[in-house]
N, C-alpha and C. Protein backbone atom coordinates (compact mmCIF):
# COMPACT_ATOMS: atom_id res chain seq x y z
N MET A 1 87.84 103.91 87.38
CA MET A 1 89.04 103.49 86.70
C MET A 1 89.65 102.33 87.51
N SER A 2 90.14 101.35 86.82
CA SER A 2 90.76 100.21 87.50
C SER A 2 92.22 100.11 87.06
N TRP A 3 93.09 99.85 88.01
CA TRP A 3 94.51 99.74 87.76
C TRP A 3 94.88 98.28 87.58
N PRO A 4 95.75 97.97 86.63
CA PRO A 4 96.18 96.58 86.46
C PRO A 4 97.09 96.16 87.61
N THR A 5 97.07 94.90 87.94
CA THR A 5 97.96 94.34 88.95
C THR A 5 99.19 93.77 88.25
N VAL A 6 100.37 94.21 88.69
CA VAL A 6 101.62 93.74 88.09
C VAL A 6 102.61 93.41 89.20
N GLN A 7 103.63 92.65 88.85
CA GLN A 7 104.71 92.36 89.80
C GLN A 7 105.45 93.66 90.10
N LEU A 8 105.79 93.89 91.36
CA LEU A 8 106.48 95.11 91.77
C LEU A 8 107.78 95.31 91.00
N ASP A 9 108.52 94.23 90.75
CA ASP A 9 109.81 94.37 90.08
C ASP A 9 109.71 94.70 88.59
N THR A 10 108.49 94.75 88.03
CA THR A 10 108.34 95.17 86.63
C THR A 10 108.22 96.69 86.50
N VAL A 11 107.96 97.38 87.61
CA VAL A 11 107.80 98.84 87.58
C VAL A 11 108.75 99.55 88.54
N THR A 12 109.56 98.80 89.28
CA THR A 12 110.51 99.38 90.23
C THR A 12 111.82 98.62 90.23
N VAL A 13 112.78 99.19 90.94
CA VAL A 13 114.06 98.52 91.20
C VAL A 13 114.25 98.52 92.71
N LEU A 14 114.48 97.33 93.29
CA LEU A 14 114.83 97.24 94.70
C LEU A 14 116.32 97.56 94.78
N ASP A 15 116.62 98.78 95.16
CA ASP A 15 117.96 99.37 95.01
C ASP A 15 118.78 99.20 96.30
N ARG A 16 119.35 98.02 96.46
CA ARG A 16 120.08 97.70 97.69
C ARG A 16 121.58 97.99 97.52
N GLN A 17 121.94 99.27 97.49
CA GLN A 17 123.34 99.67 97.39
C GLN A 17 123.94 99.68 98.79
N SER A 18 124.72 98.68 99.08
CA SER A 18 125.29 98.53 100.42
C SER A 18 126.45 99.49 100.65
N VAL A 19 126.52 100.03 101.86
CA VAL A 19 127.61 100.92 102.24
C VAL A 19 127.94 100.67 103.71
N HIS A 20 129.22 100.66 104.04
CA HIS A 20 129.62 100.55 105.44
C HIS A 20 129.65 101.97 106.01
N PRO A 21 129.21 102.16 107.23
CA PRO A 21 129.18 103.51 107.82
C PRO A 21 130.53 104.23 107.80
N ASP A 22 131.63 103.49 107.83
CA ASP A 22 132.95 104.12 107.76
C ASP A 22 133.18 104.83 106.42
N GLU A 23 132.42 104.44 105.39
CA GLU A 23 132.56 105.03 104.05
C GLU A 23 131.68 106.26 103.86
N ALA A 24 130.85 106.58 104.85
CA ALA A 24 129.93 107.72 104.74
C ALA A 24 130.43 108.89 105.60
N HIS A 25 130.08 110.11 105.19
CA HIS A 25 130.41 111.28 106.00
C HIS A 25 129.67 111.19 107.34
N LEU A 26 130.29 111.68 108.38
CA LEU A 26 129.70 111.60 109.72
C LEU A 26 128.37 112.34 109.83
N ASP A 27 128.16 113.37 108.99
CA ASP A 27 126.91 114.14 109.07
C ASP A 27 125.83 113.61 108.11
N THR A 28 126.07 112.46 107.47
CA THR A 28 125.08 111.85 106.57
C THR A 28 123.85 111.44 107.39
N PRO A 29 122.64 111.80 106.93
CA PRO A 29 121.44 111.38 107.65
C PRO A 29 121.30 109.86 107.68
N TYR A 30 120.84 109.35 108.82
CA TYR A 30 120.58 107.92 108.97
C TYR A 30 119.11 107.72 109.31
N VAL A 31 118.46 106.80 108.61
CA VAL A 31 117.06 106.48 108.85
C VAL A 31 116.95 105.01 109.25
N GLY A 32 116.42 104.77 110.44
CA GLY A 32 116.10 103.43 110.89
C GLY A 32 114.58 103.28 110.94
N LEU A 33 114.10 102.08 111.18
CA LEU A 33 112.64 101.88 111.25
C LEU A 33 111.99 102.78 112.28
N GLU A 34 112.70 103.05 113.36
CA GLU A 34 112.14 103.90 114.42
C GLU A 34 111.96 105.35 113.99
N HIS A 35 112.55 105.74 112.85
CA HIS A 35 112.43 107.11 112.36
C HIS A 35 111.30 107.31 111.36
N VAL A 36 110.62 106.22 110.98
CA VAL A 36 109.52 106.30 110.01
C VAL A 36 108.22 106.00 110.73
N ASP A 37 107.26 106.92 110.62
CA ASP A 37 105.97 106.65 111.27
C ASP A 37 104.98 106.04 110.28
N GLY A 38 103.84 105.65 110.75
CA GLY A 38 102.83 105.00 109.91
C GLY A 38 102.10 105.94 108.97
N GLU A 39 102.43 107.22 109.02
CA GLU A 39 101.81 108.22 108.15
C GLU A 39 102.74 108.68 107.03
N GLY A 40 103.91 108.04 106.91
CA GLY A 40 104.83 108.39 105.84
C GLY A 40 105.80 109.50 106.16
N LYS A 41 105.90 109.88 107.43
CA LYS A 41 106.81 110.94 107.82
C LYS A 41 108.11 110.34 108.35
N ILE A 42 109.22 111.04 108.07
CA ILE A 42 110.54 110.61 108.55
C ILE A 42 111.04 111.64 109.55
N ASP A 43 111.39 111.17 110.73
CA ASP A 43 112.03 112.01 111.74
C ASP A 43 113.52 111.71 111.64
N CYS A 44 114.20 112.46 110.81
CA CYS A 44 115.61 112.16 110.50
C CYS A 44 116.52 113.09 111.29
N THR A 45 116.59 112.87 112.59
CA THR A 45 117.47 113.68 113.42
C THR A 45 118.80 112.96 113.68
N GLU A 46 118.89 111.69 113.28
CA GLU A 46 120.11 110.93 113.48
C GLU A 46 121.05 111.13 112.30
N THR A 47 122.34 111.00 112.59
CA THR A 47 123.37 111.00 111.56
C THR A 47 124.21 109.74 111.74
N VAL A 48 125.11 109.52 110.81
CA VAL A 48 126.01 108.38 110.93
C VAL A 48 126.78 108.47 112.25
N ALA A 49 127.22 109.66 112.62
CA ALA A 49 127.99 109.84 113.85
C ALA A 49 127.13 109.59 115.09
N SER A 50 125.94 110.19 115.14
CA SER A 50 125.13 110.08 116.36
C SER A 50 124.53 108.70 116.54
N ALA A 51 124.32 107.97 115.46
CA ALA A 51 123.72 106.63 115.55
C ALA A 51 124.75 105.56 115.91
N GLU A 52 126.04 105.90 115.83
CA GLU A 52 127.11 104.96 116.16
C GLU A 52 126.94 103.62 115.42
N LEU A 53 126.81 103.70 114.12
CA LEU A 53 126.55 102.53 113.28
C LEU A 53 127.77 101.64 113.14
N LYS A 54 127.54 100.35 113.10
CA LYS A 54 128.64 99.38 113.03
C LYS A 54 128.60 98.52 111.76
N SER A 55 127.42 98.21 111.25
CA SER A 55 127.30 97.26 110.13
C SER A 55 126.83 97.96 108.85
N ASN A 56 126.87 97.22 107.74
CA ASN A 56 126.47 97.77 106.45
C ASN A 56 125.02 98.25 106.46
N LYS A 57 124.78 99.30 105.68
CA LYS A 57 123.46 99.91 105.52
C LYS A 57 123.21 100.08 104.02
N PHE A 58 122.03 100.62 103.66
CA PHE A 58 121.71 100.90 102.26
C PHE A 58 121.73 102.40 102.01
N ARG A 59 122.23 102.79 100.83
CA ARG A 59 122.17 104.20 100.39
C ARG A 59 120.77 104.49 99.84
N PHE A 60 120.33 105.74 99.97
CA PHE A 60 119.09 106.19 99.34
C PHE A 60 119.22 107.66 98.95
N THR A 61 118.36 108.09 98.04
CA THR A 61 118.28 109.50 97.63
C THR A 61 116.82 109.93 97.71
N ASP A 62 116.58 111.17 97.34
CA ASP A 62 115.20 111.67 97.34
C ASP A 62 114.37 111.09 96.19
N ARG A 63 114.98 110.28 95.35
CA ARG A 63 114.24 109.60 94.27
C ARG A 63 113.63 108.29 94.74
N HIS A 64 114.04 107.80 95.89
CA HIS A 64 113.58 106.50 96.40
C HIS A 64 112.29 106.61 97.21
N VAL A 65 111.65 105.47 97.34
CA VAL A 65 110.60 105.25 98.34
C VAL A 65 111.22 104.27 99.32
N LEU A 66 111.14 104.58 100.61
CA LEU A 66 111.71 103.70 101.63
C LEU A 66 110.60 102.82 102.19
N PHE A 67 110.82 101.50 102.11
CA PHE A 67 109.81 100.52 102.53
C PHE A 67 110.36 99.67 103.67
N GLY A 68 109.76 99.78 104.85
CA GLY A 68 110.15 98.96 105.99
C GLY A 68 109.63 97.55 105.80
N LYS A 69 110.55 96.59 105.67
CA LYS A 69 110.13 95.22 105.34
C LYS A 69 109.71 94.41 106.56
N LEU A 70 110.02 94.85 107.77
CA LEU A 70 109.60 94.13 108.97
C LEU A 70 108.21 94.60 109.40
N ARG A 71 107.36 93.67 109.68
CA ARG A 71 105.97 93.97 110.10
C ARG A 71 105.32 95.04 109.21
N PRO A 72 105.08 94.69 107.93
CA PRO A 72 104.54 95.68 106.98
C PRO A 72 103.21 96.29 107.40
N TYR A 73 102.48 95.64 108.30
CA TYR A 73 101.21 96.21 108.76
C TYR A 73 101.42 97.53 109.53
N LEU A 74 102.67 97.83 109.93
CA LEU A 74 102.95 99.11 110.60
C LEU A 74 103.07 100.26 109.60
N ARG A 75 103.04 99.95 108.30
CA ARG A 75 103.04 100.97 107.23
C ARG A 75 104.25 101.89 107.30
N LYS A 76 105.42 101.33 107.48
CA LYS A 76 106.66 102.11 107.53
C LYS A 76 107.14 102.35 106.10
N ILE A 77 106.45 103.27 105.42
CA ILE A 77 106.74 103.61 104.03
C ILE A 77 106.83 105.13 103.95
N ALA A 78 107.91 105.63 103.35
CA ALA A 78 108.07 107.09 103.29
C ALA A 78 108.89 107.49 102.07
N ARG A 79 108.74 108.73 101.70
CA ARG A 79 109.49 109.33 100.59
C ARG A 79 110.45 110.35 101.19
N PRO A 80 111.76 110.07 101.18
CA PRO A 80 112.71 111.01 101.78
C PRO A 80 112.86 112.27 100.93
N THR A 81 113.29 113.35 101.57
CA THR A 81 113.52 114.61 100.87
C THR A 81 115.01 114.89 100.71
N THR A 82 115.83 113.95 101.15
CA THR A 82 117.27 114.11 101.09
C THR A 82 117.92 112.75 100.83
N SER A 83 119.21 112.75 100.63
CA SER A 83 119.97 111.50 100.51
C SER A 83 120.48 111.09 101.88
N GLY A 84 120.80 109.80 102.02
CA GLY A 84 121.35 109.32 103.28
C GLY A 84 121.57 107.83 103.22
N ILE A 85 121.64 107.22 104.41
CA ILE A 85 121.72 105.77 104.50
C ILE A 85 120.64 105.30 105.46
N CYS A 86 120.20 104.05 105.25
CA CYS A 86 119.13 103.51 106.07
C CYS A 86 119.45 102.10 106.52
N SER A 87 118.73 101.69 107.51
CA SER A 87 118.83 100.33 108.03
C SER A 87 118.56 99.33 106.91
N THR A 88 119.12 98.15 107.02
CA THR A 88 118.85 97.11 106.02
C THR A 88 117.47 96.48 106.24
N ASP A 89 116.75 96.92 107.29
CA ASP A 89 115.35 96.54 107.48
C ASP A 89 114.44 97.41 106.61
N ILE A 90 115.03 98.36 105.92
CA ILE A 90 114.32 99.27 105.01
C ILE A 90 114.87 99.04 103.61
N ILE A 91 113.98 98.84 102.65
CA ILE A 91 114.41 98.64 101.26
C ILE A 91 114.19 99.93 100.48
N PRO A 92 115.25 100.52 99.92
CA PRO A 92 115.08 101.67 99.03
C PRO A 92 114.55 101.19 97.68
N ILE A 93 113.43 101.72 97.26
CA ILE A 93 112.79 101.33 96.01
C ILE A 93 112.80 102.51 95.05
N LEU A 94 113.27 102.26 93.83
CA LEU A 94 113.26 103.27 92.77
C LEU A 94 112.10 102.98 91.82
N PRO A 95 111.16 103.94 91.70
CA PRO A 95 110.06 103.73 90.73
C PRO A 95 110.58 103.72 89.31
């Protein structure tokens, strides 16, 4: 079976909902590039409070795929099991 090649934006939405950390609950999970491994696993032990975030981040839910846009060869792509906020180096994608 062969799959057709299409533009990513025809089958997904790059969902960049910006949020300032002051607008999020302190116990909201935070995902940075360092929390995503090359096997698709997320080590989400950080929260908004523990990460001491200062600048805007992106919201995500368990419906998103998180794609690390820096150095894509590191395969920083994961499917979260919860909602939270992530670094702007990660793009939340909605299929």
